[in-house]
PDB file of N, CA and C in Angstrom:
ATOM      1  N   MET A   1     102.873  71.840  89.268  1.00  0.00           N
ATOM      2  CA  MET A   1     103.384  73.042  88.972  1.00  0.00           C
ATOM      3  C   MET A   1     104.265  73.626  90.026  1.00  0.00           C
ATOM      4  N   PRO A   2     105.520  73.982  89.939  1.00  0.00           N
ATOM      5  CA  PRO A   2     106.270  74.484  91.149  1.00  0.00           C
ATOM      6  C   PRO A   2     105.569  75.794  91.651  1.00  0.00           C
ATOM      7  N   HIS A   3     105.919  75.979  92.828  1.00  0.00           N
ATOM      8  CA  HIS A   3     105.476  77.136  93.611  1.00  0.00           C
ATOM      9  C   HIS A   3     105.640  78.388  92.859  1.00  0.00           C
ATOM     10  N   THR A   4     106.853  78.631  92.441  1.00  0.00           N
ATOM     11  CA  THR A   4     107.155  79.845  91.650  1.00  0.00           C
ATOM     12  C   THR A   4     106.447  80.112  90.387  1.00  0.00           C
ATOM     13  N   LYS A   5     106.111  78.885  89.691  1.00  0.00           N
ATOM     14  CA  LYS A   5     105.311  79.047  88.346  1.00  0.00           C
ATOM     15  C   LYS A   5     103.939  79.400  88.787  1.00  0.00           C
ATOM     16  N   VAL A   6     103.249  78.758  89.786  1.00  0.00           N
ATOM     17  CA  VAL A   6     101.984  79.197  90.220  1.00  0.00           C
ATOM     18  C   VAL A   6     101.674  80.567  90.584  1.00  0.00           C
ATOM     19  N   ILE A   7     102.678  81.175  91.427  1.00  0.00           N
ATOM     20  CA  ILE A   7     102.635  82.529  91.862  1.00  0.00           C
ATOM     21  C   ILE A   7     102.875  83.367  90.537  1.00  0.00           C
ATOM     22  N   GLU A   8     103.770  83.127  89.624  1.00  0.00           N
ATOM     23  CA  GLU A   8     103.858  83.867  88.532  1.00  0.00           C
ATOM     24  C   GLU A   8     102.681  84.053  87.638  1.00  0.00           C
ATOM     25  N   GLN A   9     102.001  82.929  87.436  1.00  0.00           N
ATOM     26  CA  GLN A   9     100.692  82.844  86.755  1.00  0.00           C
ATOM     27  C   GLN A   9      99.658  83.795  87.295  1.00  0.00           C
ATOM     28  N   LEU A  10      99.695  83.779  88.706  1.00  0.00           N
ATOM     29  CA  LEU A  10      98.569  84.429  89.381  1.00  0.00           C
ATOM     30  C   LEU A  10      99.010  85.893  89.306  1.00  0.00           C
ATOM     31  N   LYS A  11     100.313  86.273  89.332  1.00  0.00           N
ATOM     32  CA  LYS A  11     100.552  87.612  89.312  1.00  0.00           C
ATOM     33  C   LYS A  11     100.445  88.284  87.842  1.00  0.00           C
ATOM     34  N   GLU A  12     100.574  87.478  86.731  1.00  0.00           N
ATOM     35  CA  GLU A  12     100.150  87.846  85.440  1.00  0.00           C
ATOM     36  C   GLU A  12      98.765  88.257  85.270  1.00  0.00           C
ATOM     37  N   ASN A  13      97.941  87.282  85.804  1.00  0.00           N
ATOM     38  CA  ASN A  13      96.355  87.384  85.770  1.00  0.00           C
ATOM     39  C   ASN A  13      96.092  88.682  86.634  1.00  0.00           C
ATOM     40  N   LEU A  14      96.638  88.869  87.738  1.00  0.00           N
ATOM     41  CA  LEU A  14      96.149  89.870  88.458  1.00  0.00           C
ATOM     42  C   LEU A  14      96.606  91.388  87.868  1.00  0.00           C
ATOM     43  N   GLN A  15      97.811  91.353  87.200  1.00  0.00           N
ATOM     44  CA  GLN A  15      98.258  92.585  86.295  1.00  0.00           C
ATOM     45  C   GLN A  15      97.249  92.881  85.335  1.00  0.00           C
ATOM     46  N   LEU A  16      96.687  91.866  84.642  1.00  0.00           N
ATOM     47  CA  LEU A  16      95.668  92.003  83.682  1.00  0.00           C
ATOM     48  C   LEU A  16      94.437  92.584  84.292  1.00  0.00           C
ATOM     49  N   ALA A  17      93.987  92.131  85.511  1.00  0.00           N
ATOM     50  CA  ALA A  17      92.897  92.514  86.192  1.00  0.00           C
ATOM     51  C   ALA A  17      93.068  93.991  86.610  1.00  0.00           C
ATOM     52  N   TYR A  18      94.201  94.408  87.042  1.00  0.00           N
ATOM     53  CA  TYR A  18      94.712  95.812  87.372  1.00  0.00           C
ATOM     54  C   TYR A  18      94.454  96.785  86.147  1.00  0.00           C
ATOM     55  N   ARG A  19      95.002  96.379  84.949  1.00  0.00           N
ATOM     56  CA  ARG A  19      94.899  97.167  83.814  1.00  0.00           C
ATOM     57  C   ARG A  19      93.369  97.320  83.447  1.00  0.00           C
ATOM     58  N   GLN A  20      92.637  96.282  83.427  1.00  0.00           N
ATOM     59  CA  GLN A  20      91.342  96.248  83.165  1.00  0.00           C
ATOM     60  C   GLN A  20      90.479  97.090  84.194  1.00  0.00           C
ATOM     61  N   ALA A  21      90.850  97.083  85.459  1.00  0.00           N
ATOM     62  CA  ALA A  21      90.135  97.832  86.564  1.00  0.00           C
ATOM     63  C   ALA A  21      90.411  99.330  86.374  1.00  0.00           C
ATOM     64  N   LEU A  22      91.589  99.711  85.817  1.00  0.00           N
ATOM     65  CA  LEU A  22      91.853 101.225  85.645  1.00  0.00           C
ATOM     66  C   LEU A  22      90.908 101.672  84.663  1.00  0.00           C
ATOM     67  N   ASP A  23      90.667 100.984  83.497  1.00  0.00           N
ATOM     68  CA  ASP A  23      89.863 101.357  82.398  1.00  0.00           C
ATOM     69  C   ASP A  23      88.416 101.357  82.947  1.00  0.00           C
ATOM     70  N   ALA A  24      88.072 100.420  83.722  1.00  0.00           N
ATOM     71  CA  ALA A  24      86.620 100.256  84.059  1.00  0.00           C
ATOM     72  C   ALA A  24      86.209 101.225  85.040  1.00  0.00           C
ATOM     73  N   ASP A  25      87.211 101.648  85.959  1.00  0.00           N
ATOM     74  CA  ASP A  25      86.881 102.581  87.016  1.00  0.00           C
ATOM     75  C   ASP A  25      86.830 104.015  86.385  1.00  0.00           C
ATOM     76  N   ALA A  26      87.517 104.237  85.254  1.00  0.00           N
ATOM     77  CA  ALA A  26      87.441 105.519  84.539  1.00  0.00           C
ATOM     78  C   ALA A  26      86.075 105.584  83.899  1.00  0.00           C
ATOM     79  N   ARG A  27      85.628 104.555  83.310  1.00  0.00           N
ATOM     80  CA  ARG A  27      84.335 104.528  82.628  1.00  0.00           C
ATOM     81  C   ARG A  27      83.226 104.691  83.817  1.00  0.00           C
ATOM     82  N   LEU A  28      83.355 103.994  84.953  1.00  0.00           N
ATOM     83  CA  LEU A  28      82.442 104.278  86.026  1.00  0.00           C
ATOM     84  C   LEU A  28      82.356 105.715  86.392  1.00  0.00           C
ATOM     85  N   ASP A  29      83.581 106.404  86.414  1.00  0.00           N
ATOM     86  CA  ASP A  29      83.620 107.778  86.786  1.00  0.00           C
ATOM     87  C   ASP A  29      82.766 108.683  85.765  1.00  0.00           C
ATOM     88  N   GLU A  30      82.828 108.307  84.502  1.00  0.00           N
ATOM     89  CA  GLU A  30      82.216 108.836  83.480  1.00  0.00           C
ATOM     90  C   GLU A  30      80.708 108.794  83.735  1.00  0.00           C
ATOM     91  N   LEU A  31      80.363 107.533  83.938  1.00  0.00           N
ATOM     92  CA  LEU A  31      78.898 107.182  84.251  1.00  0.00           C
ATOM     93  C   LEU A  31      78.257 107.938  85.454  1.00  0.00           C
ATOM     94  N   LYS A  32      79.105 107.961  86.422  1.00  0.00           N
ATOM     95  CA  LYS A  32      78.682 108.724  87.661  1.00  0.00           C
ATOM     96  C   LYS A  32      78.425 110.085  87.377  1.00  0.00           C
ATOM     97  N   LYS A  33      79.266 110.783  86.684  1.00  0.00           N
ATOM     98  CA  LYS A  33      79.189 112.163  86.365  1.00  0.00           C
ATOM     99  C   LYS A  33      77.925 112.396  85.490  1.00  0.00           C
ATOM    100  N   ALA A  34      77.503 111.403  84.750  1.00  0.00           N
ATOM    101  CA  ALA A  34      76.319 111.476  83.878  1.00  0.00           C
ATOM    102  C   ALA A  34      74.996 111.137  84.689  1.00  0.00           C
ATOM    103  N   GLY A  35      75.111 110.859  85.946  1.00  0.00           N
ATOM    104  CA  GLY A  35      74.128 110.539  86.822  1.00  0.00           C
ATOM    105  C   GLY A  35      73.732 109.140  86.822  1.00  0.00           C
ATOM    106  N   HIS A  36      74.650 108.269  86.528  1.00  0.00           N
ATOM    107  CA  HIS A  36      74.369 106.728  86.526  1.00  0.00           C
ATOM    108  C   HIS A  36      75.471 106.249  87.481  1.00  0.00           C
ATOM    109  N   ALA A  37      75.453 104.890  87.673  1.00  0.00           N
ATOM    110  CA  ALA A  37      76.335 104.135  88.596  1.00  0.00           C
ATOM    111  C   ALA A  37      76.058 104.548  90.105  1.00  0.00           C
ATOM    112  N   LYS A  38      74.986 104.351  90.355  1.00  0.00           N
ATOM    113  CA  LYS A  38      74.478 104.723  91.755  1.00  0.00           C
ATOM    114  C   LYS A  38      74.434 103.429  92.572  1.00  0.00           C
ATOM    115  N   PHE A  39      75.369 102.774  92.680  1.00  0.00           N
ATOM    116  CA  PHE A  39      75.425 101.588  93.481  1.00  0.00           C
ATOM    117  C   PHE A  39      76.487 101.786  94.622  1.00  0.00           C
ATOM    118  N   SER A  40      76.629 100.996  95.515  1.00  0.00           N
ATOM    119  CA  SER A  40      77.476 101.136  96.649  1.00  0.00           C
ATOM    120  C   SER A  40      78.615 100.154  96.681  1.00  0.00           C
ATOM    121  N   THR A  41      78.408  98.967  96.050  1.00  0.00           N
ATOM    122  CA  THR A  41      79.332  97.963  96.025  1.00  0.00           C
ATOM    123  C   THR A  41      79.318  97.188  94.651  1.00  0.00           C
ATOM    124  N   ILE A  42      80.410  96.631  94.252  1.00  0.00           N
ATOM    125  CA  ILE A  42      80.404  95.829  93.042  1.00  0.00           C
ATOM    126  C   ILE A  42      80.217  94.323  93.491  1.00  0.00           C
ATOM    127  N   PHE A  43      80.930  93.828  94.356  1.00  0.00           N
ATOM    128  CA  PHE A  43      80.878  92.452  94.942  1.00  0.00           C
ATOM    129  C   PHE A  43      80.279  92.498  96.349  1.00  0.00           C
ATOM    130  N   THR A  44      79.740  91.374  96.542  1.00  0.00           N
ATOM    131  CA  THR A  44      79.395  90.992  98.024  1.00  0.00           C
ATOM    132  C   THR A  44      80.283  90.148  98.820  1.00  0.00           C
ATOM    133  N   ARG A  45      80.050  89.999 100.126  1.00  0.00           N
ATOM    134  CA  ARG A  45      80.904  89.174 100.838  1.00  0.00           C
ATOM    135  C   ARG A  45      80.741  87.757 100.474  1.00  0.00           C
ATOM    136  N   GLU A  46      79.496  87.441  99.941  1.00  0.00           N
ATOM    137  CA  GLU A  46      79.097  86.090  99.586  1.00  0.00           C
ATOM    138  C   GLU A  46      79.985  85.589  98.330  1.00  0.00           C
ATOM    139  N   GLN A  47      80.509  86.644  97.602  1.00  0.00           N
ATOM    140  CA  GLN A  47      81.255  86.333  96.474  1.00  0.00           C
ATOM    141  C   GLN A  47      82.854  86.188  96.854  1.00  0.00           C
ATOM    142  N   GLY A  48      83.002  86.396  98.206  1.00  0.00           N
ATOM    143  CA  GLY A  48      84.433  85.980  98.675  1.00  0.00           C
ATOM    144  C   GLY A  48      85.217  87.216  99.009  1.00  0.00           C
ATOM    145  N   PHE A  49      84.792  88.372  98.544  1.00  0.00           N
ATOM    146  CA  PHE A  49      85.577  89.613  98.885  1.00  0.00           C
ATOM    147  C   PHE A  49      85.208  90.184 100.294  1.00  0.00           C
ATOM    148  N   GLU A  50      86.184  90.687 100.888  1.00  0.00           N
ATOM    149  CA  GLU A  50      86.092  91.443 102.159  1.00  0.00           C
ATOM    150  C   GLU A  50      85.955  92.902 101.877  1.00  0.00           C
ATOM    151  N   ALA A  51      86.630  93.463 100.890  1.00  0.00           N
ATOM    152  CA  ALA A  51      86.553  94.821 100.536  1.00  0.00           C
ATOM    153  C   ALA A  51      85.093  95.234 100.066  1.00  0.00           C
ATOM    154  N   GLN A  52      84.829  96.431 100.362  1.00  0.00           N
ATOM    155  CA  GLN A  52      83.457  96.934  99.863  1.00  0.00           C
ATOM    156  C   GLN A  52      83.772  98.144  99.072  1.00  0.00           C
ATOM    157  N   GLY A  53      83.336  98.290  97.827  1.00  0.00           N
ATOM    158  CA  GLY A  53      83.534  99.524  97.018  1.00  0.00           C
ATOM    159  C   GLY A  53      82.770  99.619  95.874  1.00  0.00           C
ATOM    160  N   ASN A  54      82.589 100.870  95.256  1.00  0.00           N
ATOM    161  CA  ASN A  54      81.997 101.051  94.081  1.00  0.00           C
ATOM    162  C   ASN A  54      82.888 101.174  92.807  1.00  0.00           C
ATOM    163  N   ARG A  55      84.132 100.861  93.134  1.00  0.00           N
ATOM    164  CA  ARG A  55      85.097 100.862  91.985  1.00  0.00           C
ATOM    165  C   ARG A  55      85.924  99.474  92.067  1.00  0.00           C
ATOM    166  N   PHE A  56      86.429  99.099  91.010  1.00  0.00           N
ATOM    167  CA  PHE A  56      87.155  97.856  90.898  1.00  0.00           C
ATOM    168  C   PHE A  56      88.383  97.788  91.484  1.00  0.00           C
ATOM    169  N   LEU A  57      89.269  98.970  91.646  1.00  0.00           N
ATOM    170  CA  LEU A  57      90.537  98.822  92.114  1.00  0.00           C
ATOM    171  C   LEU A  57      90.651  98.357  93.606  1.00  0.00           C
ATOM    172  N   VAL A  58      89.564  98.722  94.319  1.00  0.00           N
ATOM    173  CA  VAL A  58      89.557  98.300  95.747  1.00  0.00           C
ATOM    174  C   VAL A  58      89.634  96.707  95.850  1.00  0.00           C
ATOM    175  N   TYR A  59      88.948  96.092  94.904  1.00  0.00           N
ATOM    176  CA  TYR A  59      89.038  94.452  94.891  1.00  0.00           C
ATOM    177  C   TYR A  59      90.471  94.104  94.357  1.00  0.00           C
ATOM    178  N   VAL A  60      90.900  94.793  93.411  1.00  0.00           N
ATOM    179  CA  VAL A  60      92.320  94.352  92.940  1.00  0.00           C
ATOM    180  C   VAL A  60      93.332  94.434  94.109  1.00  0.00           C
ATOM    181  N   GLN A  61      93.162  95.459  94.832  1.00  0.00           N
ATOM    182  CA  GLN A  61      94.018  95.764  95.977  1.00  0.00           C
ATOM    183  C   GLN A  61      94.002  94.643  96.974  1.00  0.00           C
ATOM    184  N   GLU A  62      92.913  94.284  97.239  1.00  0.00           N
ATOM    185  CA  GLU A  62      92.536  92.986  98.122  1.00  0.00           C
ATOM    186  C   GLU A  62      93.264  91.790  97.720  1.00  0.00           C
ATOM    187  N   LEU A  63      93.082  91.482  96.305  1.00  0.00           N
ATOM    188  CA  LEU A  63      93.725  90.423  95.791  1.00  0.00           C
ATOM    189  C   LEU A  63      95.250  90.590  95.820  1.00  0.00           C
ATOM    190  N   ALA A  64      95.714  91.761  95.477  1.00  0.00           N
ATOM    191  CA  ALA A  64      97.230  92.046  95.583  1.00  0.00           C
ATOM    192  C   ALA A  64      97.732  91.621  96.965  1.00  0.00           C
ATOM    193  N   GLU A  65      97.093  92.063  98.050  1.00  0.00           N
ATOM    194  CA  GLU A  65      97.469  91.763  99.450  1.00  0.00           C
ATOM    195  C   GLU A  65      97.453  90.237  99.643  1.00  0.00           C
ATOM    196  N   GLU A  66      96.448  89.508  99.165  1.00  0.00           N
ATOM    197  CA  GLU A  66      96.322  88.113  99.295  1.00  0.00           C
ATOM    198  C   GLU A  66      97.569  87.383  98.607  1.00  0.00           C
ATOM    199  N   LEU A  67      97.855  87.894  97.417  1.00  0.00           N
ATOM    200  CA  LEU A  67      98.935  87.295  96.651  1.00  0.00           C
ATOM    201  C   LEU A  67     100.323  87.484  97.325  1.00  0.00           C
ATOM    202  N   ASP A  68     100.427  88.628  97.952  1.00  0.00           N
ATOM    203  CA  ASP A  68     101.556  88.791  98.666  1.00  0.00           C
ATOM    204  C   ASP A  68     101.704  87.826  99.889  1.00  0.00           C
ATOM    205  N   THR A  69     100.669  87.540 100.574  1.00  0.00           N
ATOM    206  CA  THR A  69     100.515  86.690 101.581  1.00  0.00           C
ATOM    207  C   THR A  69     100.954  85.251 101.233  1.00  0.00           C
ATOM    208  N   LEU A  70     100.291  84.925  99.986  1.00  0.00           N
ATOM    209  CA  LEU A  70     100.699  83.565  99.307  1.00  0.00           C
ATOM    210  C   LEU A  70     102.143  83.465  98.977  1.00  0.00           C
ATOM    211  N   GLN A  71     102.754  84.467  98.493  1.00  0.00           N
ATOM    212  CA  GLN A  71     104.085  84.420  97.998  1.00  0.00           C
ATOM    213  C   GLN A  71     105.040  84.261  99.384  1.00  0.00           C
ATOM    214  N   GLN A  72     104.720  84.854 100.490  1.00  0.00           N
ATOM    215  CA  GLN A  72     105.496  84.848 101.557  1.00  0.00           C
ATOM    216  C   GLN A  72     105.391  83.412 102.459  1.00  0.00           C
ATOM    217  N   ALA A  73     104.370  82.606 102.004  1.00  0.00           N
ATOM    218  CA  ALA A  73     104.050  81.367 102.809  1.00  0.00           C
ATOM    219  C   ALA A  73     105.150  80.371 102.463  1.00  0.00           C
ATOM    220  N   ASP A  74     105.609  79.570 103.351  1.00  0.00           N
ATOM    221  CA  ASP A  74     106.567  78.560 102.975  1.00  0.00           C
ATOM    222  C   ASP A  74     106.012  77.427 102.047  1.00  0.00           C
ATOM    223  N   LYS A  75     104.757  77.135 102.323  1.00  0.00           N
ATOM    224  CA  LYS A  75     104.074  76.087 101.451  1.00  0.00           C
ATOM    225  C   LYS A  75     102.816  76.650 100.938  1.00  0.00           C
ATOM    226  N   LEU A  76     102.366  76.470  99.630  1.00  0.00           N
ATOM    227  CA  LEU A  76     101.192  76.911  99.195  1.00  0.00           C
ATOM    228  C   LEU A  76     100.104  76.007  99.733  1.00  0.00           C
ATOM    229  N   SER A  77      99.022  76.631 100.135  1.00  0.00           N
ATOM    230  CA  SER A  77      97.850  75.953 100.717  1.00  0.00           C
ATOM    231  C   SER A  77      96.868  75.805  99.445  1.00  0.00           C
ATOM    232  N   ALA A  78      96.478  74.635  99.107  1.00  0.00           N
ATOM    233  CA  ALA A  78      95.448  74.341  98.067  1.00  0.00           C
ATOM    234  C   ALA A  78      94.147  75.155  98.249  1.00  0.00           C
ATOM    235  N   THR A  79      93.725  75.347  99.547  1.00  0.00           N
ATOM    236  CA  THR A  79      92.553  76.079  99.757  1.00  0.00           C
ATOM    237  C   THR A  79      92.714  77.544  99.592  1.00  0.00           C
ATOM    238  N   ALA A  80      93.883  77.938  99.972  1.00  0.00           N
ATOM    239  CA  ALA A  80      94.124  79.414  99.697  1.00  0.00           C
ATOM    240  C   ALA A  80      94.200  79.723  98.231  1.00  0.00           C
ATOM    241  N   ILE A  81      94.815  78.979  97.462  1.00  0.00           N
ATOM    242  CA  ILE A  81      95.022  79.029  96.112  1.00  0.00           C
ATOM    243  C   ILE A  81      93.560  79.063  95.362  1.00  0.00           C
ATOM    244  N   THR A  82      92.831  77.947  95.831  1.00  0.00           N
ATOM    245  CA  THR A  82      91.446  77.883  95.244  1.00  0.00           C
ATOM    246  C   THR A  82      90.631  79.080  95.503  1.00  0.00           C
ATOM    247  N   HIS A  83      90.684  79.613  96.696  1.00  0.00           N
ATOM    248  CA  HIS A  83      89.947  80.786  97.067  1.00  0.00           C
ATOM    249  C   HIS A  83      90.487  81.969  96.384  1.00  0.00           C
ATOM    250  N   PHE A  84      91.679  82.157  96.184  1.00  0.00           N
ATOM    251  CA  PHE A  84      92.214  83.292  95.323  1.00  0.00           C
ATOM    252  C   PHE A  84      91.973  83.052  93.867  1.00  0.00           C
ATOM    253  N   VAL A  85      91.909  81.963  93.370  1.00  0.00           N
ATOM    254  CA  VAL A  85      91.546  81.861  91.927  1.00  0.00           C
ATOM    255  C   VAL A  85      90.175  82.168  91.611  1.00  0.00           C
ATOM    256  N   HIS A  86      89.322  81.678  92.569  1.00  0.00           N
ATOM    257  CA  HIS A  86      87.920  81.952  92.445  1.00  0.00           C
ATOM    258  C   HIS A  86      87.674  83.439  92.486  1.00  0.00           C
ATOM    259  N   LYS A  87      88.170  84.159  93.333  1.00  0.00           N
ATOM    260  CA  LYS A  87      87.989  85.669  93.519  1.00  0.00           C
ATOM    261  C   LYS A  87      88.506  86.265  92.230  1.00  0.00           C
ATOM    262  N   LEU A  88      89.741  85.948  91.936  1.00  0.00           N
ATOM    263  CA  LEU A  88      90.326  86.620  90.653  1.00  0.00           C
ATOM    264  C   LEU A  88      89.480  86.167  89.371  1.00  0.00           C
ATOM    265  N   GLY A  89      88.968  84.961  89.277  1.00  0.00           N
ATOM    266  CA  GLY A  89      88.158  84.711  88.218  1.00  0.00           C
ATOM    267  C   GLY A  89      86.865  85.551  88.157  1.00  0.00           C
ATOM    268  N   THR A  90      86.193  85.644  89.279  1.00  0.00           N
ATOM    269  CA  THR A  90      85.006  86.463  89.430  1.00  0.00           C
ATOM    270  C   THR A  90      85.190  87.867  89.075  1.00  0.00           C
ATOM    271  N   LEU A  91      86.421  88.494  89.422  1.00  0.00           N
ATOM    272  CA  LEU A  91      86.810  89.835  89.083  1.00  0.00           C
ATOM    273  C   LEU A  91      87.050  90.072  87.623  1.00  0.00           C
ATOM    274  N   LEU A  92      87.804  89.188  87.121  1.00  0.00           N
ATOM    275  CA  LEU A  92      88.006  89.062  85.568  1.00  0.00           C
ATOM    276  C   LEU A  92      86.692  89.022  84.902  1.00  0.00           C
ATOM    277  N   GLN A  93      85.850  87.997  85.120  1.00  0.00           N
ATOM    278  CA  GLN A  93      84.562  87.892  84.323  1.00  0.00           C
ATOM    279  C   GLN A  93      83.701  89.103  84.531  1.00  0.00           C
ATOM    280  N   THR A  94      83.614  89.756  85.744  1.00  0.00           N
ATOM    281  CA  THR A  94      82.933  90.804  85.805  1.00  0.00           C
ATOM    282  C   THR A  94      83.424  92.043  85.072  1.00  0.00           C
ATOM    283  N   LEU A  95      84.672  92.214  85.171  1.00  0.00           N
ATOM    284  CA  LEU A  95      85.358  93.221  84.367  1.00  0.00           C
ATOM    285  C   LEU A  95      85.113  93.150  82.836  1.00  0.00           C
ATOM    286  N   GLN A  96      85.127  91.842  82.281  1.00  0.00           N
ATOM    287  CA  GLN A  96      84.924  91.611  80.764  1.00  0.00           C
ATOM    288  C   GLN A  96      83.455  91.951  80.606  1.00  0.00           C
ATOM    289  N   ALA A  97      82.461  91.549  81.449  1.00  0.00           N
ATOM    290  CA  ALA A  97      81.102  91.841  81.230  1.00  0.00           C
ATOM    291  C   ALA A  97      80.667  93.300  81.208  1.00  0.00           C
ATOM    292  N   PHE A  98      81.393  94.119  82.188  1.00  0.00           N
ATOM    293  CA  PHE A  98      81.298  95.501  82.233  1.00  0.00           C
ATOM    294  C   PHE A  98      81.888  96.115  80.977  1.00  0.00           C
ATOM    295  N   LYS A  99      83.032  95.673  80.432  1.00  0.00           N
ATOM    296  CA  LYS A  99      83.587  96.139  79.196  1.00  0.00           C
ATOM    297  C   LYS A  99      82.633  96.045  78.099  1.00  0.00           C
ATOM    298  N   GLN A 100      82.021  94.806  77.996  1.00  0.00           N
ATOM    299  CA  GLN A 100      81.090  94.658  76.771  1.00  0.00           C
ATOM    300  C   GLN A 100      79.780  95.365  76.863  1.00  0.00           C
ATOM    301  N   ASN A 101      79.361  95.568  78.041  1.00  0.00           N
ATOM    302  CA  ASN A 101      78.069  96.268  78.297  1.00  0.00           C
ATOM    303  C   ASN A 101      78.251  97.797  78.419  1.00  0.00           C
ATOM    304  N   ALA A 102      79.392  98.249  78.699  1.00  0.00           N
ATOM    305  CA  ALA A 102      79.607  99.681  78.865  1.00  0.00           C
ATOM    306  C   ALA A 102      79.987 100.328  77.496  1.00  0.00           C
ATOM    307  N   ARG A 103      79.806  99.787  76.417  1.00  0.00           N
ATOM    308  CA  ARG A 103      80.144 100.380  75.163  1.00  0.00           C
ATOM    309  C   ARG A 103      79.177 101.337  74.654  1.00  0.00           C
TER     310      ARG A 103
END
């Protein structure tokens, strides 16, 4: 798959994560007001994220910055793409699980 196609796919999936993160963060705000959601981070460093936060958008921002770096690279590194896809997959799976459990 050409460089531009890979980046475009990653961008589309990150946009999906962004929209889902907005909804999830709004739900987390509601839960916090109700006295729930008393955690400090969603993901750990072991899961690949450098950011630490109790809302999803901070992790989306980290991925957006990484995607920007990937786009600016002359040649896509398989390791960098694998790392990015793993983190994006973890984020999307967690958002989906949260959506199902927060009903």
